[in-house]
PDB file of N, CA and C in Angstrom:
ATOM      1  N   MET A   1      40.847 -38.851   5.588  1.00  0.00           N
ATOM      2  CA  MET A   1      40.438 -37.465   5.658  1.00  0.00           C
ATOM      3  C   MET A   1      38.925 -37.380   5.560  1.00  0.00           C
ATOM      4  N   GLY A   2      38.396 -36.297   6.145  1.00  0.00           N
ATOM      5  CA  GLY A   2      36.948 -36.111   6.132  1.00  0.00           C
ATOM      6  C   GLY A   2      36.446 -35.719   4.761  1.00  0.00           C
ATOM      7  N   LYS A   3      35.140 -35.739   4.658  1.00  0.00           N
ATOM      8  CA  LYS A   3      34.495 -35.483   3.382  1.00  0.00           C
ATOM      9  C   LYS A   3      34.746 -34.050   2.879  1.00  0.00           C
ATOM     10  N   ASN A   4      34.581 -33.063   3.776  1.00  0.00           N
ATOM     11  CA  ASN A   4      34.736 -31.660   3.366  1.00  0.00           C
ATOM     12  C   ASN A   4      35.970 -31.019   3.999  1.00  0.00           C
ATOM     13  N   ASN A   5      36.979 -31.805   4.270  1.00  0.00           N
ATOM     14  CA  ASN A   5      38.158 -31.327   4.980  1.00  0.00           C
ATOM     15  C   ASN A   5      38.862 -30.204   4.219  1.00  0.00           C
ATOM     16  N   ARG A   6      39.016 -30.349   2.918  1.00  0.00           N
ATOM     17  CA  ARG A   6      39.706 -29.353   2.109  1.00  0.00           C
ATOM     18  C   ARG A   6      38.947 -28.026   2.139  1.00  0.00           C
ATOM     19  N   GLU A   7      37.633 -28.082   2.063  1.00  0.00           N
ATOM     20  CA  GLU A   7      36.817 -26.861   2.095  1.00  0.00           C
ATOM     21  C   GLU A   7      36.911 -26.176   3.463  1.00  0.00           C
ATOM     22  N   ARG A   8      36.899 -26.985   4.526  1.00  0.00           N
ATOM     23  CA  ARG A   8      37.009 -26.408   5.874  1.00  0.00           C
ATOM     24  C   ARG A   8      38.362 -25.728   6.063  1.00  0.00           C
ATOM     25  N   ARG A   9      39.427 -26.345   5.591  1.00  0.00           N
ATOM     26  CA  ARG A   9      40.755 -25.734   5.697  1.00  0.00           C
ATOM     27  C   ARG A   9      40.812 -24.425   4.921  1.00  0.00           C
ATOM     28  N   ALA A  10      40.245 -24.423   3.727  1.00  0.00           N
ATOM     29  CA  ALA A  10      40.226 -23.202   2.918  1.00  0.00           C
ATOM     30  C   ALA A  10      39.410 -22.110   3.616  1.00  0.00           C
ATOM     31  N   GLN A  11      38.278 -22.485   4.222  1.00  0.00           N
ATOM     32  CA  GLN A  11      37.446 -21.515   4.943  1.00  0.00           C
ATOM     33  C   GLN A  11      38.195 -20.951   6.153  1.00  0.00           C
ATOM     34  N   LYS A  12      38.889 -21.817   6.893  1.00  0.00           N
ATOM     35  CA  LYS A  12      39.678 -21.358   8.040  1.00  0.00           C
ATOM     36  C   LYS A  12      40.770 -20.397   7.583  1.00  0.00           C
ATOM     37  N   LYS A  13      41.396 -20.708   6.477  1.00  0.00           N
ATOM     38  CA  LYS A  13      42.455 -19.858   5.947  1.00  0.00           C
ATOM     39  C   LYS A  13      41.894 -18.483   5.565  1.00  0.00           C
ATOM     40  N   ARG A  14      40.717 -18.454   4.922  1.00  0.00           N
ATOM     41  CA  ARG A  14      40.086 -17.184   4.552  1.00  0.00           C
ATOM     42  C   ARG A  14      39.703 -16.379   5.800  1.00  0.00           C
ATOM     43  N   ASN A  15      39.151 -17.067   6.813  1.00  0.00           N
ATOM     44  CA  ASN A  15      38.770 -16.389   8.058  1.00  0.00           C
ATOM     45  C   ASN A  15      39.987 -15.799   8.757  1.00  0.00           C
ATOM     46  N   LYS A  16      41.074 -16.549   8.783  1.00  0.00           N
ATOM     47  CA  LYS A  16      42.296 -16.071   9.420  1.00  0.00           C
ATOM     48  C   LYS A  16      42.830 -14.843   8.684  1.00  0.00           C
ATOM     49  N   ALA A  17      42.811 -14.872   7.359  1.00  0.00           N
ATOM     50  CA  ALA A  17      43.277 -13.736   6.567  1.00  0.00           C
ATOM     51  C   ALA A  17      42.382 -12.516   6.804  1.00  0.00           C
ATOM     52  N   ARG A  18      41.069 -12.737   6.905  1.00  0.00           N
ATOM     53  CA  ARG A  18      40.134 -11.642   7.146  1.00  0.00           C
ATOM     54  C   ARG A  18      40.375 -11.017   8.525  1.00  0.00           C
ATOM     55  N   ARG A  19      40.554 -11.857   9.550  1.00  0.00           N
ATOM     56  CA  ARG A  19      40.827 -11.346  10.904  1.00  0.00           C
ATOM     57  C   ARG A  19      42.143 -10.572  10.935  1.00  0.00           C
ATOM     58  N   SER A  20      43.135 -11.108  10.254  1.00  0.00           N
ATOM     59  CA  SER A  20      44.434 -10.439  10.199  1.00  0.00           C
ATOM     60  C   SER A  20      44.301  -9.072   9.535  1.00  0.00           C
ATOM     61  N   LYS A  21      43.529  -9.006   8.468  1.00  0.00           N
ATOM     62  CA  LYS A  21      43.320  -7.755   7.757  1.00  0.00           C
ATOM     63  C   LYS A  21      42.588  -6.742   8.647  1.00  0.00           C
ATOM     64  N   GLU A  22      41.568  -7.203   9.387  1.00  0.00           N
ATOM     65  CA  GLU A  22      40.822  -6.318  10.290  1.00  0.00           C
ATOM     66  C   GLU A  22      41.719  -5.783  11.402  1.00  0.00           C
ATOM     67  N   LEU A  23      42.561  -6.656  11.965  1.00  0.00           N
ATOM     68  CA  LEU A  23      43.474  -6.212  13.019  1.00  0.00           C
ATOM     69  C   LEU A  23      44.477  -5.192  12.487  1.00  0.00           C
ATOM     70  N   LYS A  24      44.945  -5.414  11.265  1.00  0.00           N
ATOM     71  CA  LYS A  24      45.894  -4.483  10.662  1.00  0.00           C
ATOM     72  C   LYS A  24      45.240  -3.117  10.462  1.00  0.00           C
ATOM     73  N   LYS A  25      43.984  -3.102   9.990  1.00  0.00           N
ATOM     74  CA  LYS A  25      43.266  -1.843   9.822  1.00  0.00           C
ATOM     75  C   LYS A  25      43.096  -1.139  11.162  1.00  0.00           C
ATOM     76  N   LYS A  26      42.782  -1.920  12.200  1.00  0.00           N
ATOM     77  CA  LYS A  26      42.581  -1.352  13.532  1.00  0.00           C
ATOM     78  C   LYS A  26      43.877  -0.725  14.044  1.00  0.00           C
ATOM     79  N   ARG A  27      45.008  -1.418  13.858  1.00  0.00           N
ATOM     80  CA  ARG A  27      46.299  -0.887  14.300  1.00  0.00           C
ATOM     81  C   ARG A  27      46.652   0.405  13.568  1.00  0.00           C
ATOM     82  N   ILE A  28      46.388   0.441  12.265  1.00  0.00           N
ATOM     83  CA  ILE A  28      46.670   1.643  11.479  1.00  0.00           C
ATOM     84  C   ILE A  28      45.788   2.794  11.951  1.00  0.00           C
ATOM     85  N   LYS A  29      44.522   2.491  12.217  1.00  0.00           N
ATOM     86  CA  LYS A  29      43.590   3.515  12.685  1.00  0.00           C
ATOM     87  C   LYS A  29      44.039   4.077  14.031  1.00  0.00           C
ATOM     88  N   GLU A  30      44.481   3.207  14.938  1.00  0.00           N
ATOM     89  CA  GLU A  30      44.946   3.652  16.251  1.00  0.00           C
ATOM     90  C   GLU A  30      46.255   4.425  16.145  1.00  0.00           C
ATOM     91  N   ALA A  31      47.103   4.049  15.202  1.00  0.00           N
ATOM     92  CA  ALA A  31      48.388   4.731  15.039  1.00  0.00           C
ATOM     93  C   ALA A  31      48.197   6.148  14.502  1.00  0.00           C
ATOM     94  N   ASN A  32      47.108   6.375  13.783  1.00  0.00           N
ATOM     95  CA  ASN A  32      46.864   7.692  13.202  1.00  0.00           C
ATOM     96  C   ASN A  32      46.151   8.644  14.158  1.00  0.00           C
ATOM     97  N   LYS A  33      45.821   8.180  15.358  1.00  0.00           N
ATOM     98  CA  LYS A  33      45.183   9.065  16.333  1.00  0.00           C
ATOM     99  C   LYS A  33      46.199  10.109  16.784  1.00  0.00           C
ATOM    100  N   PRO A  34      45.738  11.334  17.009  1.00  0.00           N
ATOM    101  CA  PRO A  34      46.680  12.364  17.457  1.00  0.00           C
ATOM    102  C   PRO A  34      47.200  12.058  18.860  1.00  0.00           C
ATOM    103  N   ILE A  35      48.479  12.332  19.060  1.00  0.00           N
ATOM    104  CA  ILE A  35      49.102  12.105  20.359  1.00  0.00           C
ATOM    105  C   ILE A  35      49.119  13.435  21.103  1.00  0.00           C
ATOM    106  N   GLY A  36      48.756  13.391  22.356  1.00  0.00           N
ATOM    107  CA  GLY A  36      48.799  14.594  23.173  1.00  0.00           C
ATOM    108  C   GLY A  36      47.411  15.128  23.461  1.00  0.00           C
ATOM    109  N   PRO A  37      47.362  16.199  24.195  1.00  0.00           N
ATOM    110  CA  PRO A  37      46.068  16.740  24.600  1.00  0.00           C
ATOM    111  C   PRO A  37      45.379  17.487  23.460  1.00  0.00           C
ATOM    112  N   ALA A  38      44.060  17.511  23.519  1.00  0.00           N
ATOM    113  CA  ALA A  38      43.291  18.309  22.576  1.00  0.00           C
ATOM    114  C   ALA A  38      43.121  19.689  23.197  1.00  0.00           C
ATOM    115  N   LEU A  39      43.593  20.698  22.522  1.00  0.00           N
ATOM    116  CA  LEU A  39      43.563  22.053  23.066  1.00  0.00           C
ATOM    117  C   LEU A  39      42.252  22.738  22.705  1.00  0.00           C
ATOM    118  N   GLN A  40      41.685  23.436  23.686  1.00  0.00           N
ATOM    119  CA  GLN A  40      40.460  24.184  23.462  1.00  0.00           C
ATOM    120  C   GLN A  40      40.633  25.588  24.014  1.00  0.00           C
ATOM    121  N   MET A  41      39.965  26.520  23.389  1.00  0.00           N
ATOM    122  CA  MET A  41      40.030  27.906  23.836  1.00  0.00           C
ATOM    123  C   MET A  41      39.085  28.090  25.017  1.00  0.00           C
ATOM    124  N   ILE A  42      39.607  28.619  26.104  1.00  0.00           N
ATOM    125  CA  ILE A  42      38.802  28.891  27.289  1.00  0.00           C
ATOM    126  C   ILE A  42      38.728  30.406  27.451  1.00  0.00           C
ATOM    127  N   PRO A  43      37.521  30.932  27.574  1.00  0.00           N
ATOM    128  CA  PRO A  43      37.420  32.389  27.708  1.00  0.00           C
ATOM    129  C   PRO A  43      37.985  32.864  29.042  1.00  0.00           C
ATOM    130  N   ASN A  44      38.553  34.055  29.034  1.00  0.00           N
ATOM    131  CA  ASN A  44      39.131  34.647  30.234  1.00  0.00           C
ATOM    132  C   ASN A  44      38.005  35.232  31.088  1.00  0.00           C
ATOM    133  N   PRO A  45      37.790  34.712  32.306  1.00  0.00           N
ATOM    134  CA  PRO A  45      36.691  35.232  33.126  1.00  0.00           C
ATOM    135  C   PRO A  45      36.951  36.648  33.640  1.00  0.00           C
ATOM    136  N   PHE A  46      38.195  37.104  33.595  1.00  0.00           N
ATOM    137  CA  PHE A  46      38.538  38.434  34.092  1.00  0.00           C
ATOM    138  C   PHE A  46      38.695  39.455  32.964  1.00  0.00           C
ATOM    139  N   ALA A  47      38.371  39.089  31.743  1.00  0.00           N
ATOM    140  CA  ALA A  47      38.639  39.954  30.596  1.00  0.00           C
ATOM    141  C   ALA A  47      37.862  41.266  30.649  1.00  0.00           C
ATOM    142  N   GLU A  48      36.624  41.246  31.100  1.00  0.00           N
ATOM    143  CA  GLU A  48      35.792  42.444  31.063  1.00  0.00           C
ATOM    144  C   GLU A  48      35.827  43.234  32.368  1.00  0.00           C
ATOM    145  N   LEU A  49      36.699  42.869  33.296  1.00  0.00           N
ATOM    146  CA  LEU A  49      36.784  43.569  34.574  1.00  0.00           C
ATOM    147  C   LEU A  49      37.822  44.681  34.518  1.00  0.00           C
ATOM    148  N   ASP A  50      37.603  45.704  35.329  1.00  0.00           N
ATOM    149  CA  ASP A  50      38.601  46.769  35.463  1.00  0.00           C
ATOM    150  C   ASP A  50      39.809  46.216  36.208  1.00  0.00           C
ATOM    151  N   ASP A  51      40.915  46.931  36.124  1.00  0.00           N
ATOM    152  CA  ASP A  51      42.135  46.480  36.795  1.00  0.00           C
ATOM    153  C   ASP A  51      41.952  46.372  38.302  1.00  0.00           C
ATOM    154  N   ASP A  52      41.287  47.359  38.903  1.00  0.00           N
ATOM    155  CA  ASP A  52      41.092  47.328  40.354  1.00  0.00           C
ATOM    156  C   ASP A  52      40.198  46.165  40.774  1.00  0.00           C
ATOM    157  N   VAL A  53      39.119  45.955  40.029  1.00  0.00           N
ATOM    158  CA  VAL A  53      38.192  44.858  40.350  1.00  0.00           C
ATOM    159  C   VAL A  53      38.884  43.516  40.146  1.00  0.00           C
ATOM    160  N   ARG A  54      39.677  43.421  39.075  1.00  0.00           N
ATOM    161  CA  ARG A  54      40.405  42.183  38.793  1.00  0.00           C
ATOM    162  C   ARG A  54      41.397  41.868  39.914  1.00  0.00           C
ATOM    163  N   LYS A  55      42.151  42.871  40.359  1.00  0.00           N
ATOM    164  CA  LYS A  55      43.113  42.660  41.447  1.00  0.00           C
ATOM    165  C   LYS A  55      42.409  42.240  42.727  1.00  0.00           C
ATOM    166  N   GLN A  56      41.262  42.862  43.004  1.00  0.00           N
ATOM    167  CA  GLN A  56      40.506  42.518  44.210  1.00  0.00           C
ATOM    168  C   GLN A  56      39.986  41.079  44.124  1.00  0.00           C
ATOM    169  N   ALA A  57      39.470  40.671  42.960  1.00  0.00           N
ATOM    170  CA  ALA A  57      38.959  39.307  42.792  1.00  0.00           C
ATOM    171  C   ALA A  57      40.082  38.286  42.958  1.00  0.00           C
ATOM    172  N   ILE A  58      41.223  38.565  42.367  1.00  0.00           N
ATOM    173  CA  ILE A  58      42.360  37.646  42.481  1.00  0.00           C
ATOM    174  C   ILE A  58      42.852  37.579  43.918  1.00  0.00           C
ATOM    175  N   GLN A  59      42.840  38.713  44.614  1.00  0.00           N
ATOM    176  CA  GLN A  59      43.254  38.733  46.024  1.00  0.00           C
ATOM    177  C   GLN A  59      42.308  37.886  46.879  1.00  0.00           C
ATOM    178  N   GLU A  60      40.991  37.968  46.620  1.00  0.00           N
ATOM    179  CA  GLU A  60      40.014  37.159  47.360  1.00  0.00           C
ATOM    180  C   GLU A  60      40.225  35.670  47.088  1.00  0.00           C
ATOM    181  N   ILE A  61      40.481  35.337  45.841  1.00  0.00           N
ATOM    182  CA  ILE A  61      40.732  33.933  45.489  1.00  0.00           C
ATOM    183  C   ILE A  61      41.979  33.434  46.204  1.00  0.00           C
ATOM    184  N   ALA A  62      43.016  34.260  46.242  1.00  0.00           N
ATOM    185  CA  ALA A  62      44.260  33.865  46.913  1.00  0.00           C
ATOM    186  C   ALA A  62      44.034  33.660  48.405  1.00  0.00           C
ATOM    187  N   GLU A  63      43.266  34.549  49.038  1.00  0.00           N
ATOM    188  CA  GLU A  63      42.990  34.409  50.471  1.00  0.00           C
ATOM    189  C   GLU A  63      42.183  33.150  50.761  1.00  0.00           C
ATOM    190  N   ASN A  64      41.179  32.875  49.920  1.00  0.00           N
ATOM    191  CA  ASN A  64      40.376  31.656  50.104  1.00  0.00           C
ATOM    192  C   ASN A  64      41.231  30.405  49.923  1.00  0.00           C
ATOM    193  N   SER A  65      42.097  30.429  48.925  1.00  0.00           N
ATOM    194  CA  SER A  65      42.961  29.270  48.685  1.00  0.00           C
ATOM    195  C   SER A  65      43.918  29.051  49.844  1.00  0.00           C
ATOM    196  N   GLU A  66      44.442  30.142  50.392  1.00  0.00           N
ATOM    197  CA  GLU A  66      45.358  30.017  51.527  1.00  0.00           C
ATOM    198  C   GLU A  66      44.629  29.448  52.741  1.00  0.00           C
ATOM    199  N   LYS A  67      43.390  29.885  52.958  1.00  0.00           N
ATOM    200  CA  LYS A  67      42.591  29.391  54.074  1.00  0.00           C
ATOM    201  C   LYS A  67      42.323  27.884  53.919  1.00  0.00           C
ATOM    202  N   ILE A  68      41.949  27.472  52.708  1.00  0.00           N
ATOM    203  CA  ILE A  68      41.688  26.049  52.441  1.00  0.00           C
ATOM    204  C   ILE A  68      42.964  25.233  52.631  1.00  0.00           C
ATOM    205  N   TYR A  69      44.094  25.772  52.173  1.00  0.00           N
ATOM    206  CA  TYR A  69      45.371  25.078  52.325  1.00  0.00           C
ATOM    207  C   TYR A  69      45.716  24.886  53.800  1.00  0.00           C
ATOM    208  N   GLU A  70      45.554  25.934  54.592  1.00  0.00           N
ATOM    209  CA  GLU A  70      45.877  25.844  56.020  1.00  0.00           C
ATOM    210  C   GLU A  70      44.980  24.823  56.719  1.00  0.00           C
ATOM    211  N   GLU A  71      43.678  24.799  56.367  1.00  0.00           N
ATOM    212  CA  GLU A  71      42.761  23.824  56.968  1.00  0.00           C
ATOM    213  C   GLU A  71      43.161  22.400  56.587  1.00  0.00           C
ATOM    214  N   SER A  72      43.486  22.193  55.320  1.00  0.00           N
ATOM    215  CA  SER A  72      43.888  20.857  54.862  1.00  0.00           C
ATOM    216  C   SER A  72      45.179  20.417  55.534  1.00  0.00           C
ATOM    217  N   LEU A  73      46.125  21.336  55.664  1.00  0.00           N
ATOM    218  CA  LEU A  73      47.395  21.019  56.305  1.00  0.00           C
ATOM    219  C   LEU A  73      47.179  20.641  57.766  1.00  0.00           C
ATOM    220  N   ALA A  74      46.286  21.357  58.450  1.00  0.00           N
ATOM    221  CA  ALA A  74      45.991  21.037  59.852  1.00  0.00           C
ATOM    222  C   ALA A  74      45.361  19.650  59.973  1.00  0.00           C
ATOM    223  N   LYS A  75      44.453  19.309  59.048  1.00  0.00           N
ATOM    224  CA  LYS A  75      43.821  17.979  59.074  1.00  0.00           C
ATOM    225  C   LYS A  75      44.859  16.878  58.847  1.00  0.00           C
ATOM    226  N   ILE A  76      45.756  17.102  57.904  1.00  0.00           N
ATOM    227  CA  ILE A  76      46.785  16.095  57.617  1.00  0.00           C
ATOM    228  C   ILE A  76      47.703  15.917  58.818  1.00  0.00           C
ATOM    229  N   LYS A  77      48.102  17.029  59.427  1.00  0.00           N
ATOM    230  CA  LYS A  77      48.969  16.933  60.609  1.00  0.00           C
ATOM    231  C   LYS A  77      48.267  16.200  61.744  1.00  0.00           C
ATOM    232  N   GLU A  78      46.968  16.467  61.922  1.00  0.00           N
ATOM    233  CA  GLU A  78      46.216  15.780  62.974  1.00  0.00           C
ATOM    234  C   GLU A  78      46.163  14.271  62.713  1.00  0.00           C
ATOM    235  N   LEU A  79      45.920  13.890  61.463  1.00  0.00           N
ATOM    236  CA  LEU A  79      45.893  12.462  61.118  1.00  0.00           C
ATOM    237  C   LEU A  79      47.245  11.811  61.373  1.00  0.00           C
ATOM    238  N   LEU A  80      48.310  12.499  60.986  1.00  0.00           N
ATOM    239  CA  LEU A  80      49.644  11.943  61.194  1.00  0.00           C
ATOM    240  C   LEU A  80      49.949  11.775  62.678  1.00  0.00           C
ATOM    241  N   ASN A  81      49.486  12.704  63.499  1.00  0.00           N
ATOM    242  CA  ASN A  81      49.754  12.614  64.936  1.00  0.00           C
ATOM    243  C   ASN A  81      48.849  11.605  65.630  1.00  0.00           C
ATOM    244  N   ARG A  82      47.608  11.465  65.164  1.00  0.00           N
ATOM    245  CA  ARG A  82      46.655  10.577  65.816  1.00  0.00           C
ATOM    246  C   ARG A  82      46.998   9.101  65.577  1.00  0.00           C
ATOM    247  N   TYR A  83      47.343   8.755  64.370  1.00  0.00           N
ATOM    248  CA  TYR A  83      47.622   7.366  64.028  1.00  0.00           C
ATOM    249  C   TYR A  83      49.131   7.137  64.021  1.00  0.00           C
ATOM    250  N   ASP A  84      49.532   5.959  63.668  1.00  0.00           N
ATOM    251  CA  ASP A  84      50.946   5.584  63.673  1.00  0.00           C
ATOM    252  C   ASP A  84      51.697   6.357  62.580  1.00  0.00           C
ATOM    253  N   PRO A  85      52.469   7.377  62.947  1.00  0.00           N
ATOM    254  CA  PRO A  85      53.127   8.210  61.933  1.00  0.00           C
ATOM    255  C   PRO A  85      54.045   7.449  60.984  1.00  0.00           C
ATOM    256  N   PRO A  86      54.893   6.521  61.462  1.00  0.00           N
ATOM    257  CA  PRO A  86      55.765   5.826  60.497  1.00  0.00           C
ATOM    258  C   PRO A  86      54.979   5.033  59.446  1.00  0.00           C
ATOM    259  N   SER A  87      53.881   4.406  59.870  1.00  0.00           N
ATOM    260  CA  SER A  87      53.080   3.642  58.904  1.00  0.00           C
ATOM    261  C   SER A  87      52.450   4.564  57.872  1.00  0.00           C
ATOM    262  N   LEU A  88      51.851   5.657  58.335  1.00  0.00           N
ATOM    263  CA  LEU A  88      51.233   6.588  57.397  1.00  0.00           C
ATOM    264  C   LEU A  88      52.257   7.196  56.451  1.00  0.00           C
ATOM    265  N   LEU A  89      53.411   7.549  56.991  1.00  0.00           N
ATOM    266  CA  LEU A  89      54.446   8.128  56.134  1.00  0.00           C
ATOM    267  C   LEU A  89      54.953   7.119  55.109  1.00  0.00           C
ATOM    268  N   SER A  90      55.035   5.849  55.505  1.00  0.00           N
ATOM    269  CA  SER A  90      55.485   4.835  54.541  1.00  0.00           C
ATOM    270  C   SER A  90      54.449   4.648  53.439  1.00  0.00           C
ATOM    271  N   ILE A  91      53.158   4.719  53.791  1.00  0.00           N
ATOM    272  CA  ILE A  91      52.105   4.604  52.777  1.00  0.00           C
ATOM    273  C   ILE A  91      52.167   5.789  51.823  1.00  0.00           C
ATOM    274  N   ILE A  92      52.294   6.986  52.385  1.00  0.00           N
ATOM    275  CA  ILE A  92      52.374   8.185  51.548  1.00  0.00           C
ATOM    276  C   ILE A  92      53.618   8.141  50.661  1.00  0.00           C
ATOM    277  N   ALA A  93      54.732   7.688  51.216  1.00  0.00           N
ATOM    278  CA  ALA A  93      55.972   7.616  50.437  1.00  0.00           C
ATOM    279  C   ALA A  93      55.852   6.610  49.302  1.00  0.00           C
ATOM    280  N   SER A  94      55.253   5.448  49.579  1.00  0.00           N
ATOM    281  CA  SER A  94      55.121   4.448  48.516  1.00  0.00           C
ATOM    282  C   SER A  94      54.198   4.956  47.421  1.00  0.00           C
ATOM    283  N   TYR A  95      53.150   5.673  47.800  1.00  0.00           N
ATOM    284  CA  TYR A  95      52.271   6.253  46.786  1.00  0.00           C
ATOM    285  C   TYR A  95      53.021   7.312  45.982  1.00  0.00           C
ATOM    286  N   GLY A  96      53.777   8.136  46.660  1.00  0.00           N
ATOM    287  CA  GLY A  96      54.503   9.202  45.984  1.00  0.00           C
ATOM    288  C   GLY A  96      55.599   8.702  45.067  1.00  0.00           C
ATOM    289  N   LEU A  97      56.139   7.530  45.365  1.00  0.00           N
ATOM    290  CA  LEU A  97      57.219   6.990  44.542  1.00  0.00           C
ATOM    291  C   LEU A  97      56.710   6.129  43.392  1.00  0.00           C
ATOM    292  N   THR A  98      55.414   5.873  43.347  1.00  0.00           N
ATOM    293  CA  THR A  98      54.842   5.054  42.292  1.00  0.00           C
ATOM    294  C   THR A  98      54.812   5.846  40.989  1.00  0.00           C
ATOM    295  N   VAL A  99      55.309   5.248  39.924  1.00  0.00           N
ATOM    296  CA  VAL A  99      55.287   5.887  38.609  1.00  0.00           C
ATOM    297  C   VAL A  99      54.709   4.909  37.602  1.00  0.00           C
ATOM    298  N   GLY A 100      54.185   5.449  36.535  1.00  0.00           N
ATOM    299  CA  GLY A 100      53.617   4.616  35.489  1.00  0.00           C
ATOM    300  C   GLY A 100      54.677   4.153  34.512  1.00  0.00           C
ATOM    301  N   VAL A 101      54.480   2.949  33.987  1.00  0.00           N
ATOM    302  CA  VAL A 101      55.392   2.403  32.992  1.00  0.00           C
ATOM    303  C   VAL A 101      54.556   2.004  31.787  1.00  0.00           C
ATOM    304  N   SER A 102      54.982   2.435  30.608  1.00  0.00           N
ATOM    305  CA  SER A 102      54.276   2.087  29.382  1.00  0.00           C
ATOM    306  C   SER A 102      55.291   1.635  28.341  1.00  0.00           C
ATOM    307  N   ASP A 103      54.813   1.443  27.136  1.00  0.00           N
ATOM    308  CA  ASP A 103      55.715   1.052  26.055  1.00  0.00           C
ATOM    309  C   ASP A 103      56.733   2.151  25.755  1.00  0.00           C
ATOM    310  N   ASP A 104      56.370   3.399  26.073  1.00  0.00           N
ATOM    311  CA  ASP A 104      57.266   4.528  25.825  1.00  0.00           C
ATOM    312  C   ASP A 104      58.310   4.694  26.911  1.00  0.00           C
ATOM    313  N   GLY A 105      58.178   3.964  28.004  1.00  0.00           N
ATOM    314  CA  GLY A 105      59.136   4.064  29.099  1.00  0.00           C
ATOM    315  C   GLY A 105      58.460   4.508  30.379  1.00  0.00           C
ATOM    316  N   ILE A 106      59.261   4.988  31.300  1.00  0.00           N
ATOM    317  CA  ILE A 106      58.759   5.411  32.601  1.00  0.00           C
ATOM    318  C   ILE A 106      58.263   6.846  32.497  1.00  0.00           C
ATOM    319  N   THR A 107      57.067   7.088  33.026  1.00  0.00           N
ATOM    320  CA  THR A 107      56.538   8.444  33.029  1.00  0.00           C
ATOM    321  C   THR A 107      56.983   9.144  34.301  1.00  0.00           C
ATOM    322  N   ALA A 108      57.517  10.320  34.165  1.00  0.00           N
ATOM    323  CA  ALA A 108      58.021  11.069  35.319  1.00  0.00           C
ATOM    324  C   ALA A 108      56.856  11.596  36.133  1.00  0.00           C
ATOM    325  N   LYS A 109      57.020  11.583  37.430  1.00  0.00           N
ATOM    326  CA  LYS A 109      55.992  12.094  38.329  1.00  0.00           C
ATOM    327  C   LYS A 109      56.626  13.199  39.161  1.00  0.00           C
ATOM    328  N   ASP A 110      56.315  14.429  38.820  1.00  0.00           N
ATOM    329  CA  ASP A 110      56.891  15.567  39.522  1.00  0.00           C
ATOM    330  C   ASP A 110      56.062  15.883  40.756  1.00  0.00           C
ATOM    331  N   SER A 111      56.724  16.146  41.843  1.00  0.00           N
ATOM    332  CA  SER A 111      56.029  16.581  43.051  1.00  0.00           C
ATOM    333  C   SER A 111      56.995  17.396  43.893  1.00  0.00           C
ATOM    334  N   ASP A 112      56.432  18.128  44.818  1.00  0.00           N
ATOM    335  CA  ASP A 112      57.249  18.951  45.698  1.00  0.00           C
ATOM    336  C   ASP A 112      57.511  18.159  46.969  1.00  0.00           C
ATOM    337  N   PHE A 113      58.580  17.377  46.974  1.00  0.00           N
ATOM    338  CA  PHE A 113      58.862  16.486  48.098  1.00  0.00           C
ATOM    339  C   PHE A 113      59.182  17.250  49.367  1.00  0.00           C
ATOM    340  N   LYS A 114      59.622  18.486  49.249  1.00  0.00           N
ATOM    341  CA  LYS A 114      59.973  19.262  50.441  1.00  0.00           C
ATOM    342  C   LYS A 114      58.745  19.516  51.309  1.00  0.00           C
ATOM    343  N   ILE A 115      57.603  19.735  50.680  1.00  0.00           N
ATOM    344  CA  ILE A 115      56.372  19.954  51.446  1.00  0.00           C
ATOM    345  C   ILE A 115      56.004  18.692  52.207  1.00  0.00           C
ATOM    346  N   HIS A 116      56.066  17.544  51.538  1.00  0.00           N
ATOM    347  CA  HIS A 116      55.725  16.278  52.197  1.00  0.00           C
ATOM    348  C   HIS A 116      56.683  16.004  53.356  1.00  0.00           C
ATOM    349  N   GLN A 117      57.936  16.298  53.129  1.00  0.00           N
ATOM    350  CA  GLN A 117      58.931  16.070  54.168  1.00  0.00           C
ATOM    351  C   GLN A 117      58.682  17.007  55.351  1.00  0.00           C
ATOM    352  N   ALA A 118      58.324  18.239  55.079  1.00  0.00           N
ATOM    353  CA  ALA A 118      58.068  19.211  56.148  1.00  0.00           C
ATOM    354  C   ALA A 118      56.849  18.815  56.971  1.00  0.00           C
ATOM    355  N   ILE A 119      55.842  18.257  56.322  1.00  0.00           N
ATOM    356  CA  ILE A 119      54.647  17.823  57.050  1.00  0.00           C
ATOM    357  C   ILE A 119      55.002  16.700  58.011  1.00  0.00           C
ATOM    358  N   GLY A 120      55.797  15.756  57.548  1.00  0.00           N
ATOM    359  CA  GLY A 120      56.151  14.605  58.381  1.00  0.00           C
ATOM    360  C   GLY A 120      57.074  14.950  59.530  1.00  0.00           C
ATOM    361  N   VAL A 121      57.936  15.928  59.336  1.00  0.00           N
ATOM    362  CA  VAL A 121      58.932  16.258  60.347  1.00  0.00           C
ATOM    363  C   VAL A 121      58.460  17.404  61.239  1.00  0.00           C
ATOM    364  N   GLY A 122      57.414  18.107  60.823  1.00  0.00           N
ATOM    365  CA  GLY A 122      56.958  19.308  61.525  1.00  0.00           C
ATOM    366  C   GLY A 122      56.635  19.090  62.993  1.00  0.00           C
ATOM    367  N   PRO A 123      56.437  20.188  63.733  1.00  0.00           N
ATOM    368  CA  PRO A 123      56.167  20.097  65.179  1.00  0.00           C
ATOM    369  C   PRO A 123      54.831  19.429  65.454  1.00  0.00           C
ATOM    370  N   ARG A 124      54.735  18.807  66.606  1.00  0.00           N
ATOM    371  CA  ARG A 124      53.505  18.091  66.970  1.00  0.00           C
ATOM    372  C   ARG A 124      52.734  18.847  67.998  1.00  0.00           C
TER     373      ARG A 124
END
């Protein structure tokens, strides 16, 4: 045996115990973190508006959103028609079917599959 073998073994044992203790503290600290989203109060941007002004603002937002949706839908349909539709649809389907897996299990991925199906089957 080496000259300081016993001391080195004792030092290794102390280091291992110290690392184990640090890891245990870290696990406890992580376990005590709150689970879920942190909620914050967001002020209502329409709170100080009259009913008529509020309805008009919401109507404008709805019209703009509908316009953006129609433009996006037209672009997607053009892409599907220009390139190989079965390949693009298979890529979109594989992406849509991908779900996350963690220690807690499979995370559900909600989507409106009817819209995707309508885009793929729609008129050309």
